Amino acid sequence: MNEQFPSEKEPVSEERVIEALKEQGLESTEALALLNEWIQQNERVADQENTPRANVECTVKTAKLYYNAGYKEGALGELETCLMAAQNINDEELEEQILALMDDIESGL
């Protein structure tokens, strides 16, 4: 027998999650499982960087994913959380980036 067992699961791509959310919606168990796996992957990367900014940027990625999947309100909710976190860590550059992204989403860009 020549079976090979992968040491880690294959990463879930952002495109796969967006497609699942568009096709199945947030109510789908499968789409939510993919979303949660994708979020956990990004959180692991942020944890490795071990900075408050990395954690905020991780949540910004989630907001962008929500927006790209058609969930504008979900994206804005995530970005509001990011904005407060950026303010708490006194990262004005990140705060400005978040505000610009929020403006883009609100204006439909």
Protein backbone atom coordinates (compact mmCIF):
# COMPACT_ATOMS: atom_id res chain seq x y z
CA MET A 1 0.00 0.00 0.00
CA ASN A 2 1.31 3.35 -0.98
CA GLU A 3 -1.18 5.74 0.62
CA GLN A 4 -0.01 9.20 1.50
CA PHE A 5 -1.59 11.22 4.23
CA PRO A 6 -1.23 14.97 4.00
CA SER A 7 0.30 16.57 7.06
CA GLU A 8 -2.14 19.47 6.85
CA LYS A 9 -5.44 20.11 5.16
CA GLU A 10 -5.32 22.01 1.91
CA PRO A 11 -5.92 25.72 2.58
CA VAL A 12 -9.35 27.09 1.75
CA SER A 13 -9.06 29.78 -0.91
CA GLU A 14 -10.79 33.13 -0.65
CA GLU A 15 -12.36 32.52 -4.07
CA ARG A 16 -13.88 29.23 -2.89
CA VAL A 17 -15.45 30.91 0.14
CA ILE A 18 -16.82 33.80 -1.93
CA GLU A 19 -18.31 31.36 -4.43
CA ALA A 20 -19.92 29.30 -1.66
CA LEU A 21 -21.38 32.38 0.00
CA LYS A 22 -22.75 33.71 -3.29
CA GLU A 23 -24.27 30.37 -4.27
CA GLN A 24 -25.45 29.08 -0.88
CA GLY A 25 -25.69 32.11 1.39
CA LEU A 26 -24.72 32.63 5.01
CA GLU A 27 -27.43 30.22 6.12
CA SER A 28 -25.62 27.30 4.48
CA THR A 29 -23.76 25.03 6.88
CA GLU A 30 -21.22 24.24 4.17
CA ALA A 31 -20.59 27.89 3.29
CA LEU A 32 -20.24 28.82 6.97
CA ALA A 33 -17.81 25.95 7.53
CA LEU A 34 -15.66 27.19 4.64
CA LEU A 35 -15.86 30.76 5.92
CA ASN A 36 -14.85 29.72 9.42
CA GLU A 37 -11.94 27.63 8.11
CA TRP A 38 -10.74 30.56 5.97
CA ILE A 39 -10.99 32.94 8.94
CA GLN A 40 -9.04 30.51 11.14
CA GLN A 41 -6.31 30.21 8.49
CA ASN A 42 -5.93 33.99 8.44
CA GLU A 43 -5.99 34.20 12.23
CA ARG A 44 -3.13 31.69 12.41
CA VAL A 45 -1.07 33.89 10.10
CA ALA A 46 -1.89 36.97 12.18
CA ASP A 47 -1.01 35.08 15.37
CA GLN A 48 2.40 34.24 13.91
CA GLU A 49 3.06 37.93 13.28
CA ASN A 50 1.94 38.55 16.86
CA THR A 51 1.10 42.25 16.47
CA PRO A 52 -2.13 44.12 17.12
CA ARG A 53 -1.97 45.52 13.58
CA ALA A 54 -1.82 42.01 12.09
CA ASN A 55 -4.98 41.08 13.99
CA VAL A 56 -6.80 44.14 12.67
CA GLU A 57 -5.59 43.47 9.13
CA CYS A 58 -6.90 39.91 9.44
CA THR A 59 -10.36 41.25 10.19
CA VAL A 60 -10.07 43.72 7.30
CA LYS A 61 -9.50 40.72 5.00
CA THR A 62 -12.70 39.16 6.34
CA ALA A 63 -14.58 42.40 5.68
CA LYS A 64 -13.32 42.46 2.10
CA LEU A 65 -14.39 38.85 1.65
CA TYR A 66 -17.89 39.67 2.89
CA TYR A 67 -18.10 42.59 0.49
CA ASN A 68 -16.86 40.54 -2.47
CA ALA A 69 -19.45 37.87 -1.65
CA GLY A 70 -22.22 40.48 -1.72
CA TYR A 71 -22.63 41.11 2.01
CA LYS A 72 -22.13 44.86 2.22
CA GLU A 73 -23.61 45.23 5.71
CA GLY A 74 -21.47 42.39 7.04
CA ALA A 75 -18.40 44.04 5.54
CA LEU A 76 -19.22 47.38 7.11
CA GLY A 77 -19.85 45.74 10.48
CA GLU A 78 -16.43 44.07 10.38
CA LEU A 79 -14.81 47.34 9.34
CA GLU A 80 -16.44 49.21 12.23
CA THR A 81 -14.83 46.69 14.58
CA CYS A 82 -11.51 47.17 12.77
CA LEU A 83 -11.78 50.94 13.04
CA MET A 84 -12.26 50.79 16.80
CA ALA A 85 -9.33 48.39 17.12
CA ALA A 86 -7.09 50.62 14.98
CA GLN A 87 -8.04 53.58 17.17
CA ASN A 88 -7.29 51.56 20.31
CA ILE A 89 -3.78 50.74 19.10
CA ASN A 90 -3.25 54.33 17.88
CA ASP A 91 -2.49 53.27 14.30
CA GLU A 92 -3.57 56.32 12.32
CA GLU A 93 -2.39 54.91 8.99
CA LEU A 94 -4.47 51.78 9.41
CA GLU A 95 -7.41 53.85 10.63
CA GLU A 96 -7.25 55.96 7.45
CA GLN A 97 -7.10 52.84 5.27
CA ILE A 98 -10.17 51.41 7.01
CA LEU A 99 -12.11 54.67 6.67
CA ALA A 100 -11.25 54.82 2.95
CA LEU A 101 -12.40 51.23 2.49
CA MET A 102 -15.64 51.98 4.34
CA ASP A 103 -16.23 54.98 2.07
CA ASP A 104 -15.59 52.84 -1.02
CA ILE A 105 -18.06 50.19 0.16
CA GLU A 106 -20.72 52.74 1.11
CA SER A 107 -20.40 54.43 -2.27
CA GLY A 108 -20.61 51.08 -4.05
CA LEU A 109 -17.10 50.93 -5.50
